[in-house]
Amino acid sequence: TYISADDLRVNLWNLSISDRSFNIVDIKPVNMEE
């Protein structure tokens, strides 16, 4: 497995599966102004 991170999320991938991942960190607020 491996993780990929952007500004708001960290996703967990299986190296053998390229069409789906699991979101393991999500810091995006409901209101982006917050």
PDB file of all heavy atoms in Angstrom:
ATOM      1  N   THR A   1       0.831  -1.205   0.000  1.00  0.00           N
ATOM      2  CA  THR A   1       0.000   0.000   0.000  1.00  0.00           C
ATOM      3  C   THR A   1       0.866   1.256   0.000  1.00  0.00           C
ATOM      4  O   THR A   1       2.064   1.201   0.262  1.00  0.00           O
ATOM      5  CB  THR A   1      -0.933   0.022   1.235  1.00  0.00           C
ATOM      6  OG1 THR A   1      -0.121  -0.074   2.425  1.00  0.00           O
ATOM      7  CG2 THR A   1      -1.925  -1.129   1.196  1.00  0.00           C
ATOM      8  N   TYR A   2       0.241   2.391  -0.276  1.00  0.00           N
ATOM      9  CA  TYR A   2       0.906   3.683  -0.177  1.00  0.00           C
ATOM     10  C   TYR A   2      -0.129   4.753   0.115  1.00  0.00           C
ATOM     11  O   TYR A   2      -1.343   4.530  -0.050  1.00  0.00           O
ATOM     12  CB  TYR A   2       1.702   4.004  -1.453  1.00  0.00           C
ATOM     13  CG  TYR A   2       0.878   4.403  -2.663  1.00  0.00           C
ATOM     14  CD1 TYR A   2       0.606   5.743  -2.954  1.00  0.00           C
ATOM     15  CD2 TYR A   2       0.380   3.434  -3.536  1.00  0.00           C
ATOM     16  CE1 TYR A   2      -0.135   6.101  -4.061  1.00  0.00           C
ATOM     17  CE2 TYR A   2      -0.354   3.778  -4.652  1.00  0.00           C
ATOM     18  CZ  TYR A   2      -0.615   5.122  -4.917  1.00  0.00           C
ATOM     19  OH  TYR A   2      -1.363   5.477  -6.021  1.00  0.00           O
ATOM     20  N   ILE A   3       0.346   5.907   0.577  1.00  0.00           N
ATOM     21  CA  ILE A   3      -0.558   7.039   0.813  1.00  0.00           C
ATOM     22  C   ILE A   3      -0.206   8.176  -0.136  1.00  0.00           C
ATOM     23  O   ILE A   3       0.938   8.343  -0.548  1.00  0.00           O
ATOM     24  CB  ILE A   3      -0.514   7.549   2.274  1.00  0.00           C
ATOM     25  CG1 ILE A   3       0.922   7.869   2.712  1.00  0.00           C
ATOM     26  CG2 ILE A   3      -1.200   6.598   3.214  1.00  0.00           C
ATOM     27  CD1 ILE A   3       1.018   8.538   4.083  1.00  0.00           C
ATOM     28  N   SER A   4      -1.225   8.949  -0.489  1.00  0.00           N
ATOM     29  CA  SER A   4      -1.039  10.186  -1.248  1.00  0.00           C
ATOM     30  C   SER A   4      -1.786  11.278  -0.504  1.00  0.00           C
ATOM     31  O   SER A   4      -2.868  11.049   0.035  1.00  0.00           O
ATOM     32  CB  SER A   4      -1.576  10.041  -2.676  1.00  0.00           C
ATOM     33  OG  SER A   4      -2.958   9.688  -2.678  1.00  0.00           O
ATOM     34  N   ALA A   5      -1.177  12.471  -0.461  1.00  0.00           N
ATOM     35  CA  ALA A   5      -1.763  13.563   0.313  1.00  0.00           C
ATOM     36  C   ALA A   5      -1.879  14.815  -0.537  1.00  0.00           C
ATOM     37  O   ALA A   5      -0.996  15.126  -1.342  1.00  0.00           O
ATOM     38  CB  ALA A   5      -0.920  13.856   1.550  1.00  0.00           C
ATOM     39  N   ASP A   6      -3.003  15.527  -0.362  1.00  0.00           N
ATOM     40  CA  ASP A   6      -3.141  16.862  -0.946  1.00  0.00           C
ATOM     41  C   ASP A   6      -3.409  17.843   0.192  1.00  0.00           C
ATOM     42  O   ASP A   6      -3.187  17.516   1.361  1.00  0.00           O
ATOM     43  CB  ASP A   6      -4.219  16.906  -2.041  1.00  0.00           C
ATOM     44  CG  ASP A   6      -5.634  16.625  -1.522  1.00  0.00           C
ATOM     45  OD1 ASP A   6      -5.885  16.794  -0.307  1.00  0.00           O
ATOM     46  OD2 ASP A   6      -6.504  16.257  -2.342  1.00  0.00           O
ATOM     47  N   ASP A   7      -3.869  19.038  -0.124  1.00  0.00           N
ATOM     48  CA  ASP A   7      -4.060  20.075   0.894  1.00  0.00           C
ATOM     49  C   ASP A   7      -5.038  19.674   1.999  1.00  0.00           C
ATOM     50  O   ASP A   7      -4.896  20.124   3.140  1.00  0.00           O
ATOM     51  CB  ASP A   7      -4.547  21.372   0.247  1.00  0.00           C
ATOM     52  CG  ASP A   7      -3.453  22.067  -0.533  1.00  0.00           C
ATOM     53  OD1 ASP A   7      -2.291  21.631  -0.446  1.00  0.00           O
ATOM     54  OD2 ASP A   7      -3.751  23.044  -1.244  1.00  0.00           O
ATOM     55  N   LEU A   8      -6.026  18.851   1.654  1.00  0.00           N
ATOM     56  CA  LEU A   8      -7.097  18.588   2.610  1.00  0.00           C
ATOM     57  C   LEU A   8      -7.312  17.114   2.943  1.00  0.00           C
ATOM     58  O   LEU A   8      -8.015  16.800   3.903  1.00  0.00           O
ATOM     59  CB  LEU A   8      -8.425  19.172   2.081  1.00  0.00           C
ATOM     60  CG  LEU A   8      -8.439  20.685   1.827  1.00  0.00           C
ATOM     61  CD1 LEU A   8      -9.781  21.115   1.263  1.00  0.00           C
ATOM     62  CD2 LEU A   8      -8.141  21.457   3.106  1.00  0.00           C
ATOM     63  N   ARG A   9      -6.725  16.218   2.157  1.00  0.00           N
ATOM     64  CA  ARG A   9      -7.002  14.793   2.378  1.00  0.00           C
ATOM     65  C   ARG A   9      -5.742  13.948   2.245  1.00  0.00           C
ATOM     66  O   ARG A   9      -4.819  14.288   1.518  1.00  0.00           O
ATOM     67  CB  ARG A   9      -8.043  14.280   1.367  1.00  0.00           C
ATOM     68  CG  ARG A   9      -9.445  14.875   1.575  1.00  0.00           C
ATOM     69  CD  ARG A   9     -10.432  14.182   0.647  1.00  0.00           C
ATOM     70  NE  ARG A   9     -11.802  14.623   0.896  1.00  0.00           N
ATOM     71  CZ  ARG A   9     -12.403  15.591   0.231  1.00  0.00           C
ATOM     72  NH1 ARG A   9     -11.757  16.218  -0.729  1.00  0.00           N
ATOM     73  NH2 ARG A   9     -13.650  15.927   0.511  1.00  0.00           N
ATOM     74  N   VAL A  10      -5.763  12.802   2.959  1.00  0.00           N
ATOM     75  CA  VAL A  10      -4.766  11.751   2.781  1.00  0.00           C
ATOM     76  C   VAL A  10      -5.523  10.490   2.388  1.00  0.00           C
ATOM     77  O   VAL A  10      -6.481  10.092   3.071  1.00  0.00           O
ATOM     78  CB  VAL A  10      -3.953  11.495   4.072  1.00  0.00           C
ATOM     79  CG1 VAL A  10      -2.946  10.363   3.843  1.00  0.00           C
ATOM     80  CG2 VAL A  10      -3.231  12.760   4.520  1.00  0.00           C
ATOM     81  N   ASN A  11      -5.115   9.874   1.281  1.00  0.00           N
ATOM     82  CA  ASN A  11      -5.765   8.663   0.785  1.00  0.00           C
ATOM     83  C   ASN A  11      -4.835   7.475   0.862  1.00  0.00           C
ATOM     84  O   ASN A  11      -3.625   7.594   0.647  1.00  0.00           O
ATOM     85  CB  ASN A  11      -6.226   8.853  -0.670  1.00  0.00           C
ATOM     86  CG  ASN A  11      -7.360   9.861  -0.789  1.00  0.00           C
ATOM     87  OD1 ASN A  11      -8.152  10.035   0.126  1.00  0.00           O
ATOM     88  ND2 ASN A  11      -7.431  10.534  -1.926  1.00  0.00           N
ATOM     89  N   LEU A  12      -5.406   6.311   1.142  1.00  0.00           N
ATOM     90  CA  LEU A  12      -4.665   5.052   1.203  1.00  0.00           C
ATOM     91  C   LEU A  12      -4.992   4.217  -0.031  1.00  0.00           C
ATOM     92  O   LEU A  12      -6.160   3.998  -0.353  1.00  0.00           O
ATOM     93  CB  LEU A  12      -5.050   4.279   2.478  1.00  0.00           C
ATOM     94  CG  LEU A  12      -4.435   2.888   2.647  1.00  0.00           C
ATOM     95  CD1 LEU A  12      -2.928   2.983   2.877  1.00  0.00           C
ATOM     96  CD2 LEU A  12      -5.107   2.145   3.806  1.00  0.00           C
ATOM     97  N   TRP A  13      -3.932   3.767  -0.720  1.00  0.00           N
ATOM     98  CA  TRP A  13      -4.088   3.000  -1.954  1.00  0.00           C
ATOM     99  C   TRP A  13      -3.483   1.616  -1.795  1.00  0.00           C
ATOM    100  O   TRP A  13      -2.504   1.439  -1.063  1.00  0.00           O
ATOM    101  CB  TRP A  13      -3.360   3.670  -3.117  1.00  0.00           C
ATOM    102  CG  TRP A  13      -3.801   5.050  -3.470  1.00  0.00           C
ATOM    103  CD1 TRP A  13      -3.465   6.218  -2.835  1.00  0.00           C
ATOM    104  CD2 TRP A  13      -4.639   5.420  -4.564  1.00  0.00           C
ATOM    105  NE1 TRP A  13      -4.034   7.290  -3.479  1.00  0.00           N
ATOM    106  CE2 TRP A  13      -4.761   6.836  -4.539  1.00  0.00           C
ATOM    107  CE3 TRP A  13      -5.292   4.698  -5.578  1.00  0.00           C
ATOM    108  CZ2 TRP A  13      -5.507   7.533  -5.484  1.00  0.00           C
ATOM    109  CZ3 TRP A  13      -6.041   5.391  -6.514  1.00  0.00           C
ATOM    110  CH2 TRP A  13      -6.154   6.799  -6.458  1.00  0.00           C
ATOM    111  N   ASN A  14      -4.016   0.650  -2.536  1.00  0.00           N
ATOM    112  CA  ASN A  14      -3.352  -0.627  -2.739  1.00  0.00           C
ATOM    113  C   ASN A  14      -2.641  -0.551  -4.081  1.00  0.00           C
ATOM    114  O   ASN A  14      -3.227  -0.119  -5.073  1.00  0.00           O
ATOM    115  CB  ASN A  14      -4.379  -1.773  -2.738  1.00  0.00           C
ATOM    116  CG  ASN A  14      -3.710  -3.138  -2.738  1.00  0.00           C
ATOM    117  OD1 ASN A  14      -2.986  -3.496  -3.663  1.00  0.00           O
ATOM    118  ND2 ASN A  14      -3.955  -3.909  -1.687  1.00  0.00           N
ATOM    119  N   LEU A  15      -1.383  -0.963  -4.106  1.00  0.00           N
ATOM    120  CA  LEU A  15      -0.588  -0.822  -5.323  1.00  0.00           C
ATOM    121  C   LEU A  15      -1.185  -1.577  -6.510  1.00  0.00           C
ATOM    122  O   LEU A  15      -0.964  -1.214  -7.669  1.00  0.00           O
ATOM    123  CB  LEU A  15       0.845  -1.303  -5.075  1.00  0.00           C
ATOM    124  CG  LEU A  15       1.728  -0.362  -4.251  1.00  0.00           C
ATOM    125  CD1 LEU A  15       2.971  -1.086  -3.760  1.00  0.00           C
ATOM    126  CD2 LEU A  15       2.115   0.866  -5.061  1.00  0.00           C
ATOM    127  N   SER A  16      -1.945  -2.623  -6.243  1.00  0.00           N
ATOM    128  CA  SER A  16      -2.507  -3.427  -7.323  1.00  0.00           C
ATOM    129  C   SER A  16      -3.882  -2.949  -7.778  1.00  0.00           C
ATOM    130  O   SER A  16      -4.432  -3.459  -8.751  1.00  0.00           O
ATOM    131  CB  SER A  16      -2.594  -4.897  -6.888  1.00  0.00           C
ATOM    132  OG  SER A  16      -3.440  -5.028  -5.753  1.00  0.00           O
ATOM    133  N   ILE A  17      -4.440  -1.952  -7.068  1.00  0.00           N
ATOM    134  CA  ILE A  17      -5.773  -1.445  -7.416  1.00  0.00           C
ATOM    135  C   ILE A  17      -5.667   0.043  -7.729  1.00  0.00           C
ATOM    136  O   ILE A  17      -5.378   0.854  -6.851  1.00  0.00           O
ATOM    137  CB  ILE A  17      -6.781  -1.674  -6.269  1.00  0.00           C
ATOM    138  CG1 ILE A  17      -6.848  -3.167  -5.922  1.00  0.00           C
ATOM    139  CG2 ILE A  17      -8.164  -1.149  -6.646  1.00  0.00           C
ATOM    140  CD1 ILE A  17      -7.653  -3.467  -4.666  1.00  0.00           C
ATOM    141  N   SER A  18      -5.905   0.427  -8.971  1.00  0.00           N
ATOM    142  CA  SER A  18      -5.680   1.814  -9.381  1.00  0.00           C
ATOM    143  C   SER A  18      -6.946   2.651  -9.494  1.00  0.00           C
ATOM    144  O   SER A  18      -6.867   3.860  -9.670  1.00  0.00           O
ATOM    145  CB  SER A  18      -4.955   1.839 -10.735  1.00  0.00           C
ATOM    146  OG  SER A  18      -5.723   1.179 -11.728  1.00  0.00           O
ATOM    147  N   ASP A  19      -8.105   2.028  -9.371  1.00  0.00           N
ATOM    148  CA  ASP A  19      -9.337   2.786  -9.604  1.00  0.00           C
ATOM    149  C   ASP A  19     -10.087   3.166  -8.336  1.00  0.00           C
ATOM    150  O   ASP A  19     -11.154   3.770  -8.390  1.00  0.00           O
ATOM    151  CB  ASP A  19     -10.272   2.012 -10.542  1.00  0.00           C
ATOM    152  CG  ASP A  19     -10.666   0.648  -9.986  1.00  0.00           C
ATOM    153  OD1 ASP A  19     -10.082   0.234  -8.961  1.00  0.00           O
ATOM    154  OD2 ASP A  19     -11.539  -0.004 -10.580  1.00  0.00           O
ATOM    155  N   ARG A  20      -9.551   2.831  -7.165  1.00  0.00           N
ATOM    156  CA  ARG A  20     -10.204   3.258  -5.923  1.00  0.00           C
ATOM    157  C   ARG A  20      -9.207   3.313  -4.774  1.00  0.00           C
ATOM    158  O   ARG A  20      -8.212   2.587  -4.761  1.00  0.00           O
ATOM    159  CB  ARG A  20     -11.393   2.360  -5.569  1.00  0.00           C
ATOM    160  CG  ARG A  20     -11.050   0.921  -5.268  1.00  0.00           C
ATOM    161  CD  ARG A  20     -12.330   0.121  -5.003  1.00  0.00           C
ATOM    162  NE  ARG A  20     -12.059  -1.264  -4.704  1.00  0.00           N
ATOM    163  CZ  ARG A  20     -11.910  -2.217  -5.607  1.00  0.00           C
ATOM    164  NH1 ARG A  20     -11.990  -1.911  -6.887  1.00  0.00           N
ATOM    165  NH2 ARG A  20     -11.681  -3.468  -5.237  1.00  0.00           N
ATOM    166  N   SER A  21      -9.497   4.185  -3.835  1.00  0.00           N
ATOM    167  CA  SER A  21      -8.654   4.364  -2.657  1.00  0.00           C
ATOM    168  C   SER A  21      -9.543   4.604  -1.452  1.00  0.00           C
ATOM    169  O   SER A  21     -10.761   4.795  -1.591  1.00  0.00           O
ATOM    170  CB  SER A  21      -7.691   5.539  -2.850  1.00  0.00           C
ATOM    171  OG  SER A  21      -8.414   6.749  -3.007  1.00  0.00           O
ATOM    172  N   PHE A  22      -8.929   4.606  -0.262  1.00  0.00           N
ATOM    173  CA  PHE A  22      -9.666   4.854   0.977  1.00  0.00           C
ATOM    174  C   PHE A  22      -9.191   6.174   1.570  1.00  0.00           C
ATOM    175  O   PHE A  22      -7.993   6.398   1.712  1.00  0.00           O
ATOM    176  CB  PHE A  22      -9.437   3.726   1.981  1.00  0.00           C
ATOM    177  CG  PHE A  22      -9.922   2.389   1.511  1.00  0.00           C
ATOM    178  CD1 PHE A  22      -9.038   1.500   0.914  1.00  0.00           C
ATOM    179  CD2 PHE A  22     -11.254   2.012   1.648  1.00  0.00           C
ATOM    180  CE1 PHE A  22      -9.466   0.260   0.472  1.00  0.00           C
ATOM    181  CE2 PHE A  22     -11.698   0.780   1.207  1.00  0.00           C
ATOM    182  CZ  PHE A  22     -10.807  -0.103   0.606  1.00  0.00           C
ATOM    183  N   ASN A  23     -10.142   7.031   1.913  1.00  0.00           N
ATOM    184  CA  ASN A  23      -9.811   8.302   2.539  1.00  0.00           C
ATOM    185  C   ASN A  23      -9.556   8.068   4.029  1.00  0.00           C
ATOM    186  O   ASN A  23     -10.446   7.603   4.745  1.00  0.00           O
ATOM    187  CB  ASN A  23     -10.940   9.301   2.327  1.00  0.00           C
ATOM    188  CG  ASN A  23     -10.665  10.646   2.973  1.00  0.00           C
ATOM    189  OD1 ASN A  23     -11.506  11.215   3.645  1.00  0.00           O
ATOM    190  ND2 ASN A  23      -9.464  11.160   2.786  1.00  0.00           N
ATOM    191  N   ILE A  24      -8.335   8.374   4.510  1.00  0.00           N
ATOM    192  CA  ILE A  24      -8.006   8.116   5.915  1.00  0.00           C
ATOM    193  C   ILE A  24      -7.829   9.401   6.730  1.00  0.00           C
ATOM    194  O   ILE A  24      -7.835   9.359   7.953  1.00  0.00           O
ATOM    195  CB  ILE A  24      -6.758   7.221   6.051  1.00  0.00           C
ATOM    196  CG1 ILE A  24      -5.564   7.797   5.289  1.00  0.00           C
ATOM    197  CG2 ILE A  24      -7.061   5.811   5.579  1.00  0.00           C
ATOM    198  CD1 ILE A  24      -4.264   7.010   5.491  1.00  0.00           C
ATOM    199  N   VAL A  25      -7.653  10.549   6.058  1.00  0.00           N
ATOM    200  CA  VAL A  25      -7.633  11.842   6.737  1.00  0.00           C
ATOM    201  C   VAL A  25      -8.389  12.834   5.868  1.00  0.00           C
ATOM    202  O   VAL A  25      -8.144  12.917   4.660  1.00  0.00           O
ATOM    203  CB  VAL A  25      -6.196  12.366   6.985  1.00  0.00           C
ATOM    204  CG1 VAL A  25      -6.244  13.781   7.567  1.00  0.00           C
ATOM    205  CG2 VAL A  25      -5.423  11.445   7.905  1.00  0.00           C
ATOM    206  N   ASP A  26      -9.309  13.578   6.485  1.00  0.00           N
ATOM    207  CA  ASP A  26     -10.071  14.596   5.759  1.00  0.00           C
ATOM    208  C   ASP A  26     -10.255  15.791   6.688  1.00  0.00           C
ATOM    209  O   ASP A  26     -10.982  15.705   7.675  1.00  0.00           O
ATOM    210  CB  ASP A  26     -11.426  14.040   5.333  1.00  0.00           C
ATOM    211  CG  ASP A  26     -12.186  14.984   4.404  1.00  0.00           C
ATOM    212  OD1 ASP A  26     -11.783  16.166   4.293  1.00  0.00           O
ATOM    213  OD2 ASP A  26     -13.171  14.561   3.783  1.00  0.00           O
ATOM    214  N   ILE A  27      -9.574  16.895   6.383  1.00  0.00           N
ATOM    215  CA  ILE A  27      -9.693  18.079   7.238  1.00  0.00           C
ATOM    216  C   ILE A  27     -10.547  19.172   6.580  1.00  0.00           C
ATOM    217  O   ILE A  27     -10.573  20.306   7.049  1.00  0.00           O
ATOM    218  CB  ILE A  27      -8.306  18.647   7.613  1.00  0.00           C
ATOM    219  CG1 ILE A  27      -7.568  19.169   6.370  1.00  0.00           C
ATOM    220  CG2 ILE A  27      -7.468  17.606   8.336  1.00  0.00           C
ATOM    221  CD1 ILE A  27      -6.323  19.997   6.703  1.00  0.00           C
ATOM    222  N   LYS A  28     -11.234  18.814   5.494  1.00  0.00           N
ATOM    223  CA  LYS A  28     -12.051  19.811   4.791  1.00  0.00           C
ATOM    224  C   LYS A  28     -13.269  20.168   5.636  1.00  0.00           C
ATOM    225  O   LYS A  28     -14.070  19.304   5.988  1.00  0.00           O
ATOM    226  CB  LYS A  28     -12.498  19.261   3.437  1.00  0.00           C
ATOM    227  CG  LYS A  28     -13.289  20.267   2.607  1.00  0.00           C
ATOM    228  CD  LYS A  28     -13.668  19.695   1.259  1.00  0.00           C
ATOM    229  CE  LYS A  28     -14.444  20.726   0.434  1.00  0.00           C
ATOM    230  NZ  LYS A  28     -14.820  20.191  -0.894  1.00  0.00           N
ATOM    231  N   PRO A  29     -13.446  21.460   5.992  1.00  0.00           N
ATOM    232  CA  PRO A  29     -14.616  21.863   6.774  1.00  0.00           C
ATOM    233  C   PRO A  29     -15.867  21.900   5.896  1.00  0.00           C
ATOM    234  O   PRO A  29     -15.776  21.969   4.658  1.00  0.00           O
ATOM    235  CB  PRO A  29     -14.242  23.269   7.265  1.00  0.00           C
ATOM    236  CG  PRO A  29     -13.311  23.794   6.221  1.00  0.00           C
ATOM    237  CD  PRO A  29     -12.556  22.608   5.697  1.00  0.00           C
ATOM    238  N   VAL A  30     -17.028  21.848   6.529  1.00  0.00           N
ATOM    239  CA  VAL A  30     -18.289  21.926   5.780  1.00  0.00           C
ATOM    240  C   VAL A  30     -18.358  23.244   5.029  1.00  0.00           C
ATOM    241  O   VAL A  30     -18.743  23.305   3.857  1.00  0.00           O
ATOM    242  CB  VAL A  30     -19.497  21.773   6.740  1.00  0.00           C
ATOM    243  CG1 VAL A  30     -20.809  21.943   5.976  1.00  0.00           C
ATOM    244  CG2 VAL A  30     -19.448  20.416   7.426  1.00  0.00           C
ATOM    245  N   ASN A  31     -17.950  24.311   5.710  1.00  0.00           N
ATOM    246  CA  ASN A  31     -17.889  25.639   5.097  1.00  0.00           C
ATOM    247  C   ASN A  31     -16.416  25.986   4.850  1.00  0.00           C
ATOM    248  O   ASN A  31     -15.644  26.133   5.789  1.00  0.00           O
ATOM    249  CB  ASN A  31     -18.541  26.671   6.023  1.00  0.00           C
ATOM    250  CG  ASN A  31     -18.539  28.074   5.422  1.00  0.00           C
ATOM    251  OD1 ASN A  31     -18.056  28.296   4.299  1.00  0.00           O
ATOM    252  ND2 ASN A  31     -19.090  29.024   6.161  1.00  0.00           N
ATOM    253  N   MET A  32     -16.028  26.105   3.587  1.00  0.00           N
ATOM    254  CA  MET A  32     -14.622  26.353   3.256  1.00  0.00           C
ATOM    255  C   MET A  32     -14.104  27.676   3.817  1.00  0.00           C
ATOM    256  O   MET A  32     -12.898  27.863   3.947  1.00  0.00           O
ATOM    257  CB  MET A  32     -14.420  26.323   1.738  1.00  0.00           C
ATOM    258  CG  MET A  32     -14.395  24.918   1.161  1.00  0.00           C
ATOM    259  SD  MET A  32     -12.988  23.945   1.754  1.00  0.00           S
ATOM    260  CE  MET A  32     -11.651  24.631   0.776  1.00  0.00           C
ATOM    261  N   GLU A  33     -14.996  28.585   4.176  1.00  0.00           N
ATOM    262  CA  GLU A  33     -14.564  29.843   4.784  1.00  0.00           C
ATOM    263  C   GLU A  33     -13.994  29.621   6.181  1.00  0.00           C
ATOM    264  O   GLU A  33     -13.315  30.483   6.731  1.00  0.00           O
ATOM    265  CB  GLU A  33     -15.734  30.833   4.839  1.00  0.00           C
ATOM    266  CG  GLU A  33     -16.176  31.319   3.450  1.00  0.00           C
ATOM    267  CD  GLU A  33     -17.300  32.340   3.532  1.00  0.00           C
ATOM    268  OE1 GLU A  33     -17.764  32.620   4.663  1.00  0.00           O
ATOM    269  OE2 GLU A  33     -17.708  32.852   2.474  1.00  0.00           O
ATOM    270  N   GLU A  34     -14.279  28.460   6.760  1.00  0.00           N
ATOM    271  CA  GLU A  34     -13.778  28.137   8.094  1.00  0.00           C
ATOM    272  C   GLU A  34     -12.434  27.402   8.046  1.00  0.00           C
ATOM    273  O   GLU A  34     -11.892  27.016   9.076  1.00  0.00           O
ATOM    274  CB  GLU A  34     -14.804  27.271   8.833  1.00  0.00           C
ATOM    275  CG  GLU A  34     -16.138  27.976   9.065  1.00  0.00           C
ATOM    276  CD  GLU A  34     -17.175  27.038   9.661  1.00  0.00           C
ATOM    277  OE1 GLU A  34     -16.851  25.846   9.876  1.00  0.00           O
ATOM    278  OE2 GLU A  34     -18.310  27.483   9.899  1.00  0.00           O
TER     279      GLU A  34
END
